[in-house]
Amino acid sequence: MMRFMTHLFQAQPTPAGGGLLAFAPMIFIFVIFYFLLIAPMRKKQKKTQEMLSKLKKGDEVVTGGGLFGRIAALDEERGFVVLQIADNVKVKVLRSAVAGLAAEGEPPAPPSP
């Protein structure tokens, strides 16, 4: 009986269950995060960069702060645009402050009867 008890108390080393198999849940979580968070964010960032590079004089834009205006001038060297927000009112903003084209953000006006 004592021999049986001694055998039970001896710790047997458990074999590793496969190194890659132990990290499978972490890898699975990373893949989910990539497809749900990282990939769409990269796609949106690429689209925004493309839009900013195609800005030209006369485009109607909206800034991150909510200002609507028409581009009066572009300065490629310093990276800013001059927006005309009203008659005789011009504002200088960074190109990166432009959130998008105003036509994309505004719903179409309803037709007048």
PDB file of N, CA and C in Angstrom:
ATOM      1  N   MET A   1       0.825  -1.184   0.000  1.00  0.00           N
ATOM      2  CA  MET A   1       0.000   0.000   0.000  1.00  0.00           C
ATOM      3  C   MET A   1       0.875   1.256   0.000  1.00  0.00           C
ATOM      4  N   MET A   2       1.938   1.210   0.785  1.00  0.00           N
ATOM      5  CA  MET A   2       2.825   2.350   0.855  1.00  0.00           C
ATOM      6  C   MET A   2       3.530   2.598  -0.473  1.00  0.00           C
ATOM      7  N   ARG A   3       3.837   1.499  -1.129  1.00  0.00           N
ATOM      8  CA  ARG A   3       4.496   1.612  -2.424  1.00  0.00           C
ATOM      9  C   ARG A   3       3.553   2.280  -3.437  1.00  0.00           C
ATOM     10  N   PHE A   4       2.302   1.961  -3.398  1.00  0.00           N
ATOM     11  CA  PHE A   4       1.319   2.561  -4.285  1.00  0.00           C
ATOM     12  C   PHE A   4       1.184   4.061  -4.014  1.00  0.00           C
ATOM     13  N   MET A   5       1.174   4.461  -2.741  1.00  0.00           N
ATOM     14  CA  MET A   5       1.066   5.870  -2.370  1.00  0.00           C
ATOM     15  C   MET A   5       2.304   6.636  -2.813  1.00  0.00           C
ATOM     16  N   THR A   6       3.457   6.025  -2.685  1.00  0.00           N
ATOM     17  CA  THR A   6       4.689   6.679  -3.105  1.00  0.00           C
ATOM     18  C   THR A   6       4.656   6.910  -4.614  1.00  0.00           C
ATOM     19  N   HIS A   7       4.151   5.971  -5.310  1.00  0.00           N
ATOM     20  CA  HIS A   7       4.051   6.095  -6.759  1.00  0.00           C
ATOM     21  C   HIS A   7       3.103   7.237  -7.150  1.00  0.00           C
ATOM     22  N   LEU A   8       2.022   7.429  -6.406  1.00  0.00           N
ATOM     23  CA  LEU A   8       1.076   8.513  -6.700  1.00  0.00           C
ATOM     24  C   LEU A   8       1.681   9.885  -6.449  1.00  0.00           C
ATOM     25  N   PHE A   9       2.509   9.998  -5.423  1.00  0.00           N
ATOM     26  CA  PHE A   9       3.056  11.298  -5.068  1.00  0.00           C
ATOM     27  C   PHE A   9       4.244  11.706  -5.930  1.00  0.00           C
ATOM     28  N   GLN A  10       4.814  10.793  -6.655  1.00  0.00           N
ATOM     29  CA  GLN A  10       5.912  11.155  -7.536  1.00  0.00           C
ATOM     30  C   GLN A  10       5.344  11.913  -8.727  1.00  0.00           C
ATOM     31  N   ALA A  11       5.925  13.074  -8.967  1.00  0.00           N
ATOM     32  CA  ALA A  11       5.443  13.921 -10.059  1.00  0.00           C
ATOM     33  C   ALA A  11       6.025  13.439 -11.371  1.00  0.00           C
ATOM     34  N   GLN A  12       5.139  13.155 -12.284  1.00  0.00           N
ATOM     35  CA  GLN A  12       5.567  12.758 -13.609  1.00  0.00           C
ATOM     36  C   GLN A  12       5.601  14.011 -14.488  1.00  0.00           C
ATOM     37  N   PRO A  13       6.679  14.217 -15.198  1.00  0.00           N
ATOM     38  CA  PRO A  13       6.698  15.391 -16.087  1.00  0.00           C
ATOM     39  C   PRO A  13       5.668  15.217 -17.201  1.00  0.00           C
ATOM     40  N   THR A  14       4.855  16.256 -17.378  1.00  0.00           N
ATOM     41  CA  THR A  14       3.830  16.186 -18.421  1.00  0.00           C
ATOM     42  C   THR A  14       4.457  16.645 -19.729  1.00  0.00           C
ATOM     43  N   PRO A  15       4.239  15.933 -20.781  1.00  0.00           N
ATOM     44  CA  PRO A  15       4.814  16.326 -22.053  1.00  0.00           C
ATOM     45  C   PRO A  15       4.134  17.599 -22.564  1.00  0.00           C
ATOM     46  N   ALA A  16       4.925  18.434 -23.199  1.00  0.00           N
ATOM     47  CA  ALA A  16       4.385  19.684 -23.750  1.00  0.00           C
ATOM     48  C   ALA A  16       3.383  19.341 -24.849  1.00  0.00           C
ATOM     49  N   GLY A  17       2.293  20.047 -24.861  1.00  0.00           N
ATOM     50  CA  GLY A  17       1.219  19.749 -25.809  1.00  0.00           C
ATOM     51  C   GLY A  17       1.435  20.399 -27.157  1.00  0.00           C
ATOM     52  N   GLY A  18       2.637  20.499 -27.631  1.00  0.00           N
ATOM     53  CA  GLY A  18       2.902  21.130 -28.920  1.00  0.00           C
ATOM     54  C   GLY A  18       3.033  22.629 -28.735  1.00  0.00           C
ATOM     55  N   GLY A  19       4.172  23.180 -29.074  1.00  0.00           N
ATOM     56  CA  GLY A  19       4.432  24.606 -28.861  1.00  0.00           C
ATOM     57  C   GLY A  19       3.479  25.516 -29.598  1.00  0.00           C
ATOM     58  N   LEU A  20       3.200  25.188 -30.843  1.00  0.00           N
ATOM     59  CA  LEU A  20       2.320  26.027 -31.637  1.00  0.00           C
ATOM     60  C   LEU A  20       0.871  25.912 -31.178  1.00  0.00           C
ATOM     61  N   LEU A  21       0.494  24.759 -30.709  1.00  0.00           N
ATOM     62  CA  LEU A  21      -0.874  24.544 -30.247  1.00  0.00           C
ATOM     63  C   LEU A  21      -1.184  25.385 -29.008  1.00  0.00           C
ATOM     64  N   ALA A  22      -0.187  25.634 -28.185  1.00  0.00           N
ATOM     65  CA  ALA A  22      -0.397  26.450 -26.990  1.00  0.00           C
ATOM     66  C   ALA A  22      -0.669  27.915 -27.359  1.00  0.00           C
ATOM     67  N   PHE A  23      -0.123  28.377 -28.490  1.00  0.00           N
ATOM     68  CA  PHE A  23      -0.324  29.760 -28.909  1.00  0.00           C
ATOM     69  C   PHE A  23      -1.476  29.921 -29.893  1.00  0.00           C
ATOM     70  N   ALA A  24      -2.178  28.872 -30.202  1.00  0.00           N
ATOM     71  CA  ALA A  24      -3.272  28.920 -31.165  1.00  0.00           C
ATOM     72  C   ALA A  24      -4.360  29.937 -30.780  1.00  0.00           C
ATOM     73  N   PRO A  25      -4.789  30.017 -29.524  1.00  0.00           N
ATOM     74  CA  PRO A  25      -5.807  31.037 -29.188  1.00  0.00           C
ATOM     75  C   PRO A  25      -5.307  32.461 -29.394  1.00  0.00           C
ATOM     76  N   MET A  26      -4.045  32.709 -29.074  1.00  0.00           N
ATOM     77  CA  MET A  26      -3.486  34.060 -29.271  1.00  0.00           C
ATOM     78  C   MET A  26      -3.406  34.400 -30.751  1.00  0.00           C
ATOM     79  N   ILE A  27      -3.002  33.437 -31.561  1.00  0.00           N
ATOM     80  CA  ILE A  27      -2.922  33.664 -33.001  1.00  0.00           C
ATOM     81  C   ILE A  27      -4.308  33.913 -33.570  1.00  0.00           C
ATOM     82  N   PHE A  28      -5.283  33.158 -33.108  1.00  0.00           N
ATOM     83  CA  PHE A  28      -6.665  33.325 -33.554  1.00  0.00           C
ATOM     84  C   PHE A  28      -7.190  34.718 -33.201  1.00  0.00           C
ATOM     85  N   ILE A  29      -6.916  35.188 -31.996  1.00  0.00           N
ATOM     86  CA  ILE A  29      -7.356  36.521 -31.568  1.00  0.00           C
ATOM     87  C   ILE A  29      -6.692  37.594 -32.424  1.00  0.00           C
ATOM     88  N   PHE A  30      -5.399  37.445 -32.726  1.00  0.00           N
ATOM     89  CA  PHE A  30      -4.708  38.427 -33.561  1.00  0.00           C
ATOM     90  C   PHE A  30      -5.328  38.472 -34.959  1.00  0.00           C
ATOM     91  N   VAL A  31      -5.659  37.326 -35.523  1.00  0.00           N
ATOM     92  CA  VAL A  31      -6.273  37.297 -36.855  1.00  0.00           C
ATOM     93  C   VAL A  31      -7.617  38.015 -36.836  1.00  0.00           C
ATOM     94  N   ILE A  32      -8.405  37.784 -35.814  1.00  0.00           N
ATOM     95  CA  ILE A  32      -9.702  38.467 -35.685  1.00  0.00           C
ATOM     96  C   ILE A  32      -9.499  39.976 -35.583  1.00  0.00           C
ATOM     97  N   PHE A  33      -8.561  40.424 -34.740  1.00  0.00           N
ATOM     98  CA  PHE A  33      -8.285  41.853 -34.604  1.00  0.00           C
ATOM     99  C   PHE A  33      -7.832  42.445 -35.928  1.00  0.00           C
ATOM    100  N   TYR A  34      -7.021  41.716 -36.676  1.00  0.00           N
ATOM    101  CA  TYR A  34      -6.531  42.225 -37.947  1.00  0.00           C
ATOM    102  C   TYR A  34      -7.687  42.489 -38.899  1.00  0.00           C
ATOM    103  N   PHE A  35      -8.578  41.521 -39.048  1.00  0.00           N
ATOM    104  CA  PHE A  35      -9.665  41.682 -40.010  1.00  0.00           C
ATOM    105  C   PHE A  35     -10.754  42.626 -39.533  1.00  0.00           C
ATOM    106  N   LEU A  36     -10.943  42.771 -38.230  1.00  0.00           N
ATOM    107  CA  LEU A  36     -11.999  43.657 -37.734  1.00  0.00           C
ATOM    108  C   LEU A  36     -11.532  45.078 -37.472  1.00  0.00           C
ATOM    109  N   LEU A  37     -10.258  45.271 -37.138  1.00  0.00           N
ATOM    110  CA  LEU A  37      -9.780  46.600 -36.768  1.00  0.00           C
ATOM    111  C   LEU A  37      -8.688  47.150 -37.675  1.00  0.00           C
ATOM    112  N   ILE A  38      -7.641  46.403 -37.866  1.00  0.00           N
ATOM    113  CA  ILE A  38      -6.459  46.934 -38.541  1.00  0.00           C
ATOM    114  C   ILE A  38      -6.685  47.113 -40.038  1.00  0.00           C
ATOM    115  N   ALA A  39      -7.207  46.127 -40.717  1.00  0.00           N
ATOM    116  CA  ALA A  39      -7.399  46.213 -42.169  1.00  0.00           C
ATOM    117  C   ALA A  39      -8.362  47.339 -42.569  1.00  0.00           C
ATOM    118  N   PRO A  40      -9.524  47.488 -41.929  1.00  0.00           N
ATOM    119  CA  PRO A  40     -10.400  48.604 -42.308  1.00  0.00           C
ATOM    120  C   PRO A  40      -9.774  49.973 -42.015  1.00  0.00           C
ATOM    121  N   MET A  41      -9.011  50.071 -40.927  1.00  0.00           N
ATOM    122  CA  MET A  41      -8.362  51.336 -40.593  1.00  0.00           C
ATOM    123  C   MET A  41      -7.326  51.699 -41.656  1.00  0.00           C
ATOM    124  N   ARG A  42      -6.557  50.728 -42.119  1.00  0.00           N
ATOM    125  CA  ARG A  42      -5.570  50.984 -43.171  1.00  0.00           C
ATOM    126  C   ARG A  42      -6.248  51.406 -44.467  1.00  0.00           C
ATOM    127  N   LYS A  43      -7.359  50.764 -44.793  1.00  0.00           N
ATOM    128  CA  LYS A  43      -8.091  51.092 -46.014  1.00  0.00           C
ATOM    129  C   LYS A  43      -8.619  52.529 -45.960  1.00  0.00           C
ATOM    130  N   LYS A  44      -9.165  52.916 -44.818  1.00  0.00           N
ATOM    131  CA  LYS A  44      -9.685  54.273 -44.656  1.00  0.00           C
ATOM    132  C   LYS A  44      -8.556  55.293 -44.716  1.00  0.00           C
ATOM    133  N   GLN A  45      -7.420  54.990 -44.103  1.00  0.00           N
ATOM    134  CA  GLN A  45      -6.280  55.892 -44.116  1.00  0.00           C
ATOM    135  C   GLN A  45      -5.751  56.083 -45.537  1.00  0.00           C
ATOM    136  N   LYS A  46      -5.700  55.014 -46.315  1.00  0.00           N
ATOM    137  CA  LYS A  46      -5.234  55.099 -47.705  1.00  0.00           C
ATOM    138  C   LYS A  46      -6.188  55.957 -48.526  1.00  0.00           C
ATOM    139  N   LYS A  47      -7.499  55.793 -48.306  1.00  0.00           N
ATOM    140  CA  LYS A  47      -8.506  56.571 -49.030  1.00  0.00           C
ATOM    141  C   LYS A  47      -8.388  58.058 -48.688  1.00  0.00           C
ATOM    142  N   THR A  48      -8.162  58.373 -47.417  1.00  0.00           N
ATOM    143  CA  THR A  48      -8.009  59.765 -46.988  1.00  0.00           C
ATOM    144  C   THR A  48      -6.759  60.379 -47.595  1.00  0.00           C
ATOM    145  N   GLN A  49      -5.635  59.654 -47.599  1.00  0.00           N
ATOM    146  CA  GLN A  49      -4.393  60.154 -48.193  1.00  0.00           C
ATOM    147  C   GLN A  49      -4.593  60.435 -49.677  1.00  0.00           C
ATOM    148  N   GLU A  50      -5.299  59.558 -50.361  1.00  0.00           N
ATOM    149  CA  GLU A  50      -5.558  59.742 -51.787  1.00  0.00           C
ATOM    150  C   GLU A  50      -6.404  60.994 -52.016  1.00  0.00           C
ATOM    151  N   MET A  51      -7.428  61.192 -51.177  1.00  0.00           N
ATOM    152  CA  MET A  51      -8.288  62.361 -51.302  1.00  0.00           C
ATOM    153  C   MET A  51      -7.496  63.646 -51.063  1.00  0.00           C
ATOM    154  N   LEU A  52      -6.629  63.648 -50.050  1.00  0.00           N
ATOM    155  CA  LEU A  52      -5.832  64.837 -49.753  1.00  0.00           C
ATOM    156  C   LEU A  52      -4.858  65.156 -50.872  1.00  0.00           C
ATOM    157  N   SER A  53      -4.315  64.152 -51.517  1.00  0.00           N
ATOM    158  CA  SER A  53      -3.355  64.402 -52.598  1.00  0.00           C
ATOM    159  C   SER A  53      -4.042  64.922 -53.861  1.00  0.00           C
ATOM    160  N   LYS A  54      -5.348  64.675 -54.009  1.00  0.00           N
ATOM    161  CA  LYS A  54      -6.075  65.105 -55.207  1.00  0.00           C
ATOM    162  C   LYS A  54      -6.793  66.438 -55.027  1.00  0.00           C
ATOM    163  N   LEU A  55      -6.609  67.111 -53.888  1.00  0.00           N
ATOM    164  CA  LEU A  55      -7.277  68.399 -53.683  1.00  0.00           C
ATOM    165  C   LEU A  55      -6.782  69.410 -54.710  1.00  0.00           C
ATOM    166  N   LYS A  56      -7.702  70.251 -55.173  1.00  0.00           N
ATOM    167  CA  LYS A  56      -7.328  71.286 -56.136  1.00  0.00           C
ATOM    168  C   LYS A  56      -8.125  72.549 -55.840  1.00  0.00           C
ATOM    169  N   LYS A  57      -7.681  73.638 -56.427  1.00  0.00           N
ATOM    170  CA  LYS A  57      -8.335  74.927 -56.229  1.00  0.00           C
ATOM    171  C   LYS A  57      -9.776  74.848 -56.718  1.00  0.00           C
ATOM    172  N   GLY A  58     -10.699  75.347 -55.901  1.00  0.00           N
ATOM    173  CA  GLY A  58     -12.112  75.342 -56.250  1.00  0.00           C
ATOM    174  C   GLY A  58     -12.907  74.222 -55.600  1.00  0.00           C
ATOM    175  N   ASP A  59     -12.237  73.224 -55.032  1.00  0.00           N
ATOM    176  CA  ASP A  59     -12.952  72.137 -54.352  1.00  0.00           C
ATOM    177  C   ASP A  59     -13.620  72.659 -53.082  1.00  0.00           C
ATOM    178  N   GLU A  60     -14.813  72.178 -52.808  1.00  0.00           N
ATOM    179  CA  GLU A  60     -15.489  72.523 -51.557  1.00  0.00           C
ATOM    180  C   GLU A  60     -15.208  71.409 -50.563  1.00  0.00           C
ATOM    181  N   VAL A  61     -14.654  71.793 -49.400  1.00  0.00           N
ATOM    182  CA  VAL A  61     -14.217  70.819 -48.407  1.00  0.00           C
ATOM    183  C   VAL A  61     -14.775  71.166 -47.032  1.00  0.00           C
ATOM    184  N   VAL A  62     -14.677  70.209 -46.130  1.00  0.00           N
ATOM    185  CA  VAL A  62     -15.020  70.421 -44.730  1.00  0.00           C
ATOM    186  C   VAL A  62     -13.785  70.024 -43.910  1.00  0.00           C
ATOM    187  N   THR A  63     -13.473  70.819 -42.889  1.00  0.00           N
ATOM    188  CA  THR A  63     -12.317  70.523 -42.049  1.00  0.00           C
ATOM    189  C   THR A  63     -12.730  69.638 -40.875  1.00  0.00           C
ATOM    190  N   GLY A  64     -11.744  69.171 -40.156  1.00  0.00           N
ATOM    191  CA  GLY A  64     -12.010  68.361 -38.970  1.00  0.00           C
ATOM    192  C   GLY A  64     -12.759  69.138 -37.904  1.00  0.00           C
ATOM    193  N   GLY A  65     -12.605  70.454 -37.899  1.00  0.00           N
ATOM    194  CA  GLY A  65     -13.297  71.298 -36.934  1.00  0.00           C
ATOM    195  C   GLY A  65     -14.700  71.681 -37.358  1.00  0.00           C
ATOM    196  N   GLY A  66     -15.096  71.309 -38.580  1.00  0.00           N
ATOM    197  CA  GLY A  66     -16.449  71.577 -39.028  1.00  0.00           C
ATOM    198  C   GLY A  66     -16.600  72.792 -39.912  1.00  0.00           C
ATOM    199  N   LEU A  67     -15.509  73.414 -40.340  1.00  0.00           N
ATOM    200  CA  LEU A  67     -15.606  74.563 -41.235  1.00  0.00           C
ATOM    201  C   LEU A  67     -15.813  74.085 -42.669  1.00  0.00           C
ATOM    202  N   PHE A  68     -16.794  74.664 -43.332  1.00  0.00           N
ATOM    203  CA  PHE A  68     -17.017  74.403 -44.740  1.00  0.00           C
ATOM    204  C   PHE A  68     -16.412  75.552 -45.526  1.00  0.00           C
ATOM    205  N   GLY A  69     -15.745  75.240 -46.611  1.00  0.00           N
ATOM    206  CA  GLY A  69     -15.175  76.305 -47.426  1.00  0.00           C
ATOM    207  C   GLY A  69     -14.733  75.799 -48.774  1.00  0.00           C
ATOM    208  N   ARG A  70     -14.367  76.759 -49.625  1.00  0.00           N
ATOM    209  CA  ARG A  70     -13.869  76.456 -50.968  1.00  0.00           C
ATOM    210  C   ARG A  70     -12.377  76.750 -50.974  1.00  0.00           C
ATOM    211  N   ILE A  71     -11.599  75.860 -51.566  1.00  0.00           N
ATOM    212  CA  ILE A  71     -10.147  76.050 -51.605  1.00  0.00           C
ATOM    213  C   ILE A  71      -9.832  77.199 -52.544  1.00  0.00           C
ATOM    214  N   ALA A  72      -9.160  78.237 -51.978  1.00  0.00           N
ATOM    215  CA  ALA A  72      -8.761  79.401 -52.760  1.00  0.00           C
ATOM    216  C   ALA A  72      -7.316  79.281 -53.220  1.00  0.00           C
ATOM    217  N   ALA A  73      -6.486  78.594 -52.440  1.00  0.00           N
ATOM    218  CA  ALA A  73      -5.075  78.425 -52.798  1.00  0.00           C
ATOM    219  C   ALA A  73      -4.521  77.202 -52.092  1.00  0.00           C
ATOM    220  N   LEU A  74      -3.473  76.621 -52.698  1.00  0.00           N
ATOM    221  CA  LEU A  74      -2.783  75.469 -52.122  1.00  0.00           C
ATOM    222  C   LEU A  74      -1.300  75.809 -51.999  1.00  0.00           C
ATOM    223  N   ASP A  75      -0.680  75.437 -50.901  1.00  0.00           N
ATOM    224  CA  ASP A  75       0.762  75.577 -50.744  1.00  0.00           C
ATOM    225  C   ASP A  75       1.336  74.189 -50.525  1.00  0.00           C
ATOM    226  N   GLU A  76       1.917  73.625 -51.591  1.00  0.00           N
ATOM    227  CA  GLU A  76       2.444  72.261 -51.540  1.00  0.00           C
ATOM    228  C   GLU A  76       3.665  72.161 -50.628  1.00  0.00           C
ATOM    229  N   GLU A  77       4.496  73.217 -50.602  1.00  0.00           N
ATOM    230  CA  GLU A  77       5.732  73.188 -49.799  1.00  0.00           C
ATOM    231  C   GLU A  77       5.446  73.088 -48.310  1.00  0.00           C
ATOM    232  N   ARG A  78       4.573  73.938 -47.835  1.00  0.00           N
ATOM    233  CA  ARG A  78       4.298  74.003 -46.393  1.00  0.00           C
ATOM    234  C   ARG A  78       3.159  73.095 -45.972  1.00  0.00           C
ATOM    235  N   GLY A  79       2.385  72.603 -46.917  1.00  0.00           N
ATOM    236  CA  GLY A  79       1.320  71.659 -46.598  1.00  0.00           C
ATOM    237  C   GLY A  79       0.064  72.292 -46.038  1.00  0.00           C
ATOM    238  N   PHE A  80      -0.296  73.472 -46.519  1.00  0.00           N
ATOM    239  CA  PHE A  80      -1.551  74.060 -46.062  1.00  0.00           C
ATOM    240  C   PHE A  80      -2.389  74.504 -47.248  1.00  0.00           C
ATOM    241  N   VAL A  81      -3.661  74.753 -46.963  1.00  0.00           N
ATOM    242  CA  VAL A  81      -4.597  75.257 -47.963  1.00  0.00           C
ATOM    243  C   VAL A  81      -5.248  76.518 -47.410  1.00  0.00           C
ATOM    244  N   VAL A  82      -5.645  77.392 -48.311  1.00  0.00           N
ATOM    245  CA  VAL A  82      -6.380  78.598 -47.928  1.00  0.00           C
ATOM    246  C   VAL A  82      -7.829  78.366 -48.323  1.00  0.00           C
ATOM    247  N   LEU A  83      -8.707  78.415 -47.322  1.00  0.00           N
ATOM    248  CA  LEU A  83     -10.135  78.207 -47.555  1.00  0.00           C
ATOM    249  C   LEU A  83     -10.869  79.528 -47.534  1.00  0.00           C
ATOM    250  N   GLN A  84     -11.747  79.712 -48.497  1.00  0.00           N
ATOM    251  CA  GLN A  84     -12.629  80.877 -48.473  1.00  0.00           C
ATOM    252  C   GLN A  84     -13.933  80.394 -47.859  1.00  0.00           C
ATOM    253  N   ILE A  85     -14.240  80.902 -46.647  1.00  0.00           N
ATOM    254  CA  ILE A  85     -15.432  80.437 -45.945  1.00  0.00           C
ATOM    255  C   ILE A  85     -16.607  81.405 -46.076  1.00  0.00           C
ATOM    256  N   ALA A  86     -16.337  82.624 -46.541  1.00  0.00           N
ATOM    257  CA  ALA A  86     -17.379  83.623 -46.812  1.00  0.00           C
ATOM    258  C   ALA A  86     -16.756  84.670 -47.723  1.00  0.00           C
ATOM    259  N   ASP A  87     -17.563  85.621 -48.173  1.00  0.00           N
ATOM    260  CA  ASP A  87     -17.009  86.694 -49.001  1.00  0.00           C
ATOM    261  C   ASP A  87     -15.964  87.456 -48.207  1.00  0.00           C
ATOM    262  N   ASN A  88     -14.795  87.619 -48.781  1.00  0.00           N
ATOM    263  CA  ASN A  88     -13.662  88.341 -48.173  1.00  0.00           C
ATOM    264  C   ASN A  88     -13.196  87.730 -46.853  1.00  0.00           C
ATOM    265  N   VAL A  89     -13.473  86.465 -46.609  1.00  0.00           N
ATOM    266  CA  VAL A  89     -12.993  85.785 -45.397  1.00  0.00           C
ATOM    267  C   VAL A  89     -12.251  84.522 -45.833  1.00  0.00           C
ATOM    268  N   LYS A  90     -10.937  84.536 -45.586  1.00  0.00           N
ATOM    269  CA  LYS A  90     -10.117  83.378 -45.946  1.00  0.00           C
ATOM    270  C   LYS A  90      -9.400  82.878 -44.702  1.00  0.00           C
ATOM    271  N   VAL A  91      -9.285  81.558 -44.606  1.00  0.00           N
ATOM    272  CA  VAL A  91      -8.665  80.915 -43.459  1.00  0.00           C
ATOM    273  C   VAL A  91      -7.592  79.967 -43.982  1.00  0.00           C
ATOM    274  N   LYS A  92      -6.439  79.984 -43.319  1.00  0.00           N
ATOM    275  CA  LYS A  92      -5.358  79.075 -43.692  1.00  0.00           C
ATOM    276  C   LYS A  92      -5.388  77.884 -42.734  1.00  0.00           C
ATOM    277  N   VAL A  93      -5.478  76.670 -43.297  1.00  0.00           N
ATOM    278  CA  VAL A  93      -5.505  75.445 -42.487  1.00  0.00           C
ATOM    279  C   VAL A  93      -4.518  74.444 -43.061  1.00  0.00           C
ATOM    280  N   LEU A  94      -4.080  73.538 -42.219  1.00  0.00           N
ATOM    281  CA  LEU A  94      -3.216  72.471 -42.690  1.00  0.00           C
ATOM    282  C   LEU A  94      -3.996  71.554 -43.628  1.00  0.00           C
ATOM    283  N   ARG A  95      -3.298  71.016 -44.585  1.00  0.00           N
ATOM    284  CA  ARG A  95      -3.928  70.078 -45.520  1.00  0.00           C
ATOM    285  C   ARG A  95      -4.466  68.863 -44.765  1.00  0.00           C
ATOM    286  N   SER A  96      -3.764  68.433 -43.732  1.00  0.00           N
ATOM    287  CA  SER A  96      -4.210  67.263 -42.965  1.00  0.00           C
ATOM    288  C   SER A  96      -5.460  67.554 -42.137  1.00  0.00           C
ATOM    289  N   ALA A  97      -5.828  68.843 -41.976  1.00  0.00           N
ATOM    290  CA  ALA A  97      -7.041  69.188 -41.229  1.00  0.00           C
ATOM    291  C   ALA A  97      -8.293  69.022 -42.077  1.00  0.00           C
ATOM    292  N   VAL A  98      -8.123  68.854 -43.378  1.00  0.00           N
ATOM    293  CA  VAL A  98      -9.279  68.653 -44.253  1.00  0.00           C
ATOM    294  C   VAL A  98      -9.801  67.238 -44.032  1.00  0.00           C
ATOM    295  N   ALA A  99     -11.077  67.150 -43.624  1.00  0.00           N
ATOM    296  CA  ALA A  99     -11.673  65.849 -43.313  1.00  0.00           C
ATOM    297  C   ALA A  99     -12.260  65.182 -44.550  1.00  0.00           C
ATOM    298  N   GLY A 100     -12.698  65.972 -45.515  1.00  0.00           N
ATOM    299  CA  GLY A 100     -13.277  65.376 -46.714  1.00  0.00           C
ATOM    300  C   GLY A 100     -13.873  66.435 -47.612  1.00  0.00           C
ATOM    301  N   LEU A 101     -14.358  65.985 -48.730  1.00  0.00           N
ATOM    302  CA  LEU A 101     -15.034  66.891 -49.650  1.00  0.00           C
ATOM    303  C   LEU A 101     -16.425  67.190 -49.111  1.00  0.00           C
ATOM    304  N   ALA A 102     -16.864  68.435 -49.245  1.00  0.00           N
ATOM    305  CA  ALA A 102     -18.151  68.844 -48.692  1.00  0.00           C
ATOM    306  C   ALA A 102     -19.298  68.136 -49.390  1.00  0.00           C
ATOM    307  N   ALA A 103     -19.156  67.815 -50.647  1.00  0.00           N
ATOM    308  CA  ALA A 103     -20.232  67.145 -51.385  1.00  0.00           C
ATOM    309  C   ALA A 103     -20.504  65.757 -50.826  1.00  0.00           C
ATOM    310  N   GLU A 104     -19.466  65.103 -50.265  1.00  0.00           N
ATOM    311  CA  GLU A 104     -19.653  63.769 -49.695  1.00  0.00           C
ATOM    312  C   GLU A 104     -20.402  63.821 -48.369  1.00  0.00           C
ATOM    313  N   GLY A 105     -20.219  64.901 -47.599  1.00  0.00           N
ATOM    314  CA  GLY A 105     -20.791  64.977 -46.266  1.00  0.00           C
ATOM    315  C   GLY A 105     -22.195  65.538 -46.211  1.00  0.00           C
ATOM    316  N   GLU A 106     -22.637  66.233 -47.270  1.00  0.00           N
ATOM    317  CA  GLU A 106     -23.942  66.867 -47.253  1.00  0.00           C
ATOM    318  C   GLU A 106     -24.978  66.010 -47.964  1.00  0.00           C
ATOM    319  N   PRO A 107     -26.166  65.900 -47.380  1.00  0.00           N
ATOM    320  CA  PRO A 107     -27.229  65.195 -48.101  1.00  0.00           C
ATOM    321  C   PRO A 107     -27.739  66.068 -49.233  1.00  0.00           C
ATOM    322  N   PRO A 108     -28.277  65.492 -50.294  1.00  0.00           N
ATOM    323  CA  PRO A 108     -28.790  66.301 -51.401  1.00  0.00           C
ATOM    324  C   PRO A 108     -29.968  67.151 -50.941  1.00  0.00           C
ATOM    325  N   ALA A 109     -30.042  68.355 -51.500  1.00  0.00           N
ATOM    326  CA  ALA A 109     -31.135  69.269 -51.150  1.00  0.00           C
ATOM    327  C   ALA A 109     -32.449  68.750 -51.753  1.00  0.00           C
ATOM    328  N   PRO A 110     -33.532  68.834 -50.975  1.00  0.00           N
ATOM    329  CA  PRO A 110     -34.813  68.390 -51.536  1.00  0.00           C
ATOM    330  C   PRO A 110     -35.275  69.357 -52.623  1.00  0.00           C
ATOM    331  N   PRO A 111     -35.937  68.836 -53.640  1.00  0.00           N
ATOM    332  CA  PRO A 111     -36.407  69.731 -54.724  1.00  0.00           C
ATOM    333  C   PRO A 111     -37.499  70.657 -54.214  1.00  0.00           C
ATOM    334  N   SER A 112     -37.455  71.892 -54.706  1.00  0.00           N
ATOM    335  CA  SER A 112     -38.471  72.862 -54.281  1.00  0.00           C
ATOM    336  C   SER A 112     -39.726  72.678 -55.120  1.00  0.00           C
ATOM    337  N   PRO A 113     -40.910  72.805 -54.497  1.00  0.00           N
ATOM    338  CA  PRO A 113     -42.181  72.578 -55.226  1.00  0.00           C
ATOM    339  C   PRO A 113     -42.541  73.679 -56.166  1.00  0.00           C
TER     340      PRO A 113
END
